Amino acid sequence: MSNATNQSPKAVENWMENLKQSKPKVTKLHFYYHNSRNPEMNLSAVQVASAPVFSAQPPYFGVLTITDDPLTAGPEISSKRVGYAQGFYATSSLEEVSMLMGVTFVFTDGECNGSTLAVLGRNPIEERYRELPIVGGTGVFRLARGIVTLQTYFFNFTMALAIVEMNVVALHY
């Protein structure tokens, strides 16, 4: 891990005091999120709770899943690993298949190694493009804000496998 997130409270305080002379940076990232609830295919998400009434049929209301999904440079699971998406998603609509997602992208490669981006928002998965807000970050992404645009690249309900293309535009200091 990079030492960007391993700084003492005093070092962080000094960084904040010097912030007024800094201009925000813009970082654009592109990667793929691999979500598998299939134990035979690189399991990365586990359902931990479900509502007793609605969760067995669409829109699957009340299902809570915890994730530790690989992030890769390309759509193939064998492509270069750039990090992980660690967090949760909960189906949160009675009308459509939509999730509340709280995910931290933990980067493990390149200039972002050791840094994180925190994302929290609504993901209506049947829409072609979805936007989730960036609500913070650490390391090179301190004080991040921005947008993550999602587009489903591959989805197979029977295989319990989804690959989602992600484009990130982050403002940070």
Protein backbone atom coordinates (compact mmCIF):
# COMPACT_ATOMS: atom_id res chain seq x y z
CA MET A 1 0.00 0.00 0.00
CA SER A 2 1.07 3.55 -0.65
CA ASN A 3 1.92 5.75 2.30
CA ALA A 4 -0.56 8.35 1.01
CA THR A 5 -3.18 7.07 3.45
CA ASN A 6 -0.76 6.20 6.23
CA GLN A 7 -0.10 9.65 7.66
CA SER A 8 -0.26 10.88 11.22
CA PRO A 9 -3.10 13.17 12.33
CA LYS A 10 -0.63 16.06 12.49
CA ALA A 11 0.51 15.44 8.88
CA VAL A 12 -3.13 15.43 7.74
CA GLU A 13 -3.78 18.64 9.69
CA ASN A 14 -0.77 20.31 8.00
CA TRP A 15 -2.02 19.12 4.61
CA MET A 16 -5.45 20.68 5.33
CA GLU A 17 -3.86 24.00 6.38
CA ASN A 18 -1.99 24.19 3.06
CA LEU A 19 -5.14 23.36 1.09
CA LYS A 20 -6.20 26.99 0.59
CA GLN A 21 -3.28 27.43 -1.83
CA SER A 22 -4.22 24.33 -3.82
CA LYS A 23 -6.44 23.99 -6.87
CA PRO A 24 -8.61 20.92 -7.37
CA LYS A 25 -7.34 18.24 -9.73
CA VAL A 26 -9.52 16.25 -12.11
CA THR A 27 -8.88 12.53 -12.47
CA LYS A 28 -10.67 10.34 -15.02
CA LEU A 29 -10.62 6.56 -14.55
CA HIS A 30 -12.09 3.69 -16.53
CA PHE A 31 -12.41 0.14 -15.21
CA TYR A 32 -14.72 -2.85 -14.91
CA TYR A 33 -16.50 -4.11 -11.79
CA HIS A 34 -17.00 -7.89 -11.57
CA ASN A 35 -19.85 -8.98 -9.29
CA SER A 36 -20.31 -12.71 -8.80
CA ARG A 37 -22.73 -14.39 -6.42
CA ASN A 38 -21.79 -17.76 -7.92
CA PRO A 39 -19.44 -19.85 -5.71
CA GLU A 40 -18.20 -21.70 -8.81
CA MET A 41 -17.15 -18.45 -10.55
CA ASN A 42 -14.88 -16.36 -8.30
CA LEU A 43 -17.47 -15.58 -5.61
CA SER A 44 -17.20 -11.89 -4.65
CA ALA A 45 -20.65 -11.04 -3.26
CA VAL A 46 -22.70 -12.71 -0.54
CA GLN A 47 -26.35 -12.15 0.30
CA VAL A 48 -26.50 -11.60 4.06
CA ALA A 49 -30.19 -10.71 4.58
CA SER A 50 -33.49 -10.67 2.77
CA ALA A 51 -37.04 -9.52 3.46
CA PRO A 52 -39.38 -12.42 4.23
CA VAL A 53 -42.07 -11.30 1.77
CA PHE A 54 -40.71 -9.54 -1.34
CA SER A 55 -37.19 -10.80 -1.93
CA ALA A 56 -37.92 -13.94 -4.01
CA GLN A 57 -39.34 -12.22 -7.10
CA PRO A 58 -38.73 -9.00 -9.04
CA PRO A 59 -37.96 -6.34 -7.95
CA TYR A 60 -36.30 -8.42 -5.18
CA PHE A 61 -37.06 -5.74 -2.56
CA GLY A 62 -35.16 -6.03 0.70
CA VAL A 63 -32.10 -8.09 -0.28
CA LEU A 64 -28.80 -7.00 1.31
CA THR A 65 -25.54 -8.13 -0.27
CA ILE A 66 -21.96 -7.51 0.89
CA THR A 67 -19.29 -7.25 -1.81
CA ASP A 68 -15.56 -7.46 -2.32
CA ASP A 69 -15.63 -7.26 -6.11
CA PRO A 70 -12.54 -7.13 -8.33
CA LEU A 71 -11.92 -4.03 -10.43
CA THR A 72 -10.06 -4.71 -13.67
CA ALA A 73 -8.65 -2.67 -16.55
CA GLY A 74 -10.63 -4.68 -19.11
CA PRO A 75 -13.90 -6.58 -19.12
CA GLU A 76 -12.23 -9.98 -18.75
CA ILE A 77 -11.70 -11.17 -15.17
CA SER A 78 -8.16 -12.13 -16.24
CA SER A 79 -7.28 -8.56 -17.24
CA LYS A 80 -5.06 -6.40 -15.04
CA ARG A 81 -6.43 -5.99 -11.50
CA VAL A 82 -6.61 -2.32 -10.47
CA GLY A 83 -8.42 -2.71 -7.16
CA TYR A 84 -11.55 -3.86 -5.35
CA ALA A 85 -15.06 -2.53 -4.72
CA GLN A 86 -15.82 -3.24 -1.07
CA GLY A 87 -19.20 -2.43 0.42
CA PHE A 88 -22.85 -3.32 0.07
CA TYR A 89 -25.90 -3.05 -2.12
CA ALA A 90 -29.48 -3.38 -1.03
CA THR A 91 -32.49 -3.66 -3.31
CA SER A 92 -34.51 -0.66 -2.25
CA SER A 93 -37.47 -0.18 -4.60
CA LEU A 94 -40.89 -1.80 -4.74
CA GLU A 95 -41.38 -0.58 -8.33
CA GLU A 96 -38.17 -1.53 -10.19
CA VAL A 97 -34.92 -3.41 -9.67
CA SER A 98 -32.92 -0.66 -8.03
CA MET A 99 -30.24 -0.75 -5.39
CA LEU A 100 -28.81 1.55 -2.80
CA MET A 101 -25.05 1.10 -3.16
CA GLY A 102 -22.42 2.05 -0.64
CA VAL A 103 -19.05 1.07 -2.07
CA THR A 104 -15.44 2.02 -1.52
CA PHE A 105 -13.14 1.57 -4.51
CA VAL A 106 -9.81 0.44 -3.05
CA PHE A 107 -7.07 0.96 -5.64
CA THR A 108 -4.10 -1.42 -5.66
CA ASP A 109 -2.21 -0.35 -8.77
CA GLY A 110 -0.38 2.61 -10.30
CA GLU A 111 -0.58 6.20 -9.09
CA CYS A 112 -3.81 5.46 -7.18
CA ASN A 113 -2.30 2.54 -5.23
CA GLY A 114 -3.40 2.77 -1.59
CA SER A 115 -6.05 5.40 -2.30
CA THR A 116 -9.83 5.05 -2.13
CA LEU A 117 -12.98 6.61 -3.54
CA ALA A 118 -16.24 6.35 -1.59
CA VAL A 119 -19.48 6.10 -3.57
CA LEU A 120 -23.02 6.16 -2.21
CA GLY A 121 -26.21 6.34 -4.24
CA ARG A 122 -29.10 4.78 -6.12
CA ASN A 123 -28.38 2.32 -8.93
CA PRO A 124 -31.48 1.53 -11.05
CA ILE A 125 -29.81 -1.38 -12.85
CA GLU A 126 -32.30 -1.68 -15.71
CA GLU A 127 -31.35 1.78 -17.03
CA ARG A 128 -28.59 1.89 -19.65
CA TYR A 129 -26.53 4.56 -17.88
CA ARG A 130 -26.55 5.21 -14.14
CA GLU A 131 -24.77 7.86 -12.10
CA LEU A 132 -23.54 7.43 -8.57
CA PRO A 133 -22.04 10.33 -6.60
CA ILE A 134 -18.53 10.22 -5.22
CA VAL A 135 -18.84 11.33 -1.60
CA GLY A 136 -15.19 11.27 -0.53
CA GLY A 137 -11.81 9.66 -0.82
CA THR A 138 -8.42 9.06 0.76
CA GLY A 139 -4.81 9.20 -0.36
CA VAL A 140 -4.53 10.94 -3.73
CA PHE A 141 -8.33 11.34 -3.65
CA ARG A 142 -8.58 13.37 -0.43
CA LEU A 143 -11.75 15.47 -0.32
CA ALA A 144 -12.97 13.84 -3.55
CA ARG A 145 -16.28 14.56 -5.15
CA GLY A 146 -17.56 13.64 -8.56
CA ILE A 147 -19.56 11.14 -10.55
CA VAL A 148 -19.22 7.47 -11.43
CA THR A 149 -21.14 6.54 -14.58
CA LEU A 150 -22.10 2.87 -14.77
CA GLN A 151 -23.15 0.80 -17.77
CA THR A 152 -23.83 -2.92 -17.66
CA TYR A 153 -21.34 -4.71 -19.90
CA PHE A 154 -22.55 -8.26 -19.19
CA PHE A 155 -25.32 -9.68 -17.01
CA ASN A 156 -26.50 -13.26 -16.59
CA PHE A 157 -29.10 -13.86 -13.86
CA THR A 158 -28.76 -17.66 -14.01
CA MET A 159 -24.98 -17.49 -13.61
CA ALA A 160 -25.34 -14.79 -10.89
CA LEU A 161 -22.69 -12.75 -12.71
CA ALA A 162 -22.51 -9.08 -13.68
CA ILE A 163 -19.74 -7.05 -15.26
CA VAL A 164 -20.24 -3.30 -15.08
CA GLU A 165 -18.21 -0.72 -17.00
CA MET A 166 -17.34 2.28 -14.84
CA ASN A 167 -16.20 5.74 -15.84
CA VAL A 168 -15.06 8.00 -13.01
CA VAL A 169 -14.63 11.76 -13.04
CA ALA A 170 -13.27 12.86 -9.66
CA LEU A 171 -12.34 16.29 -8.35
CA HIS A 172 -9.82 16.14 -5.52
CA TYR A 173 -6.84 17.90 -3.98
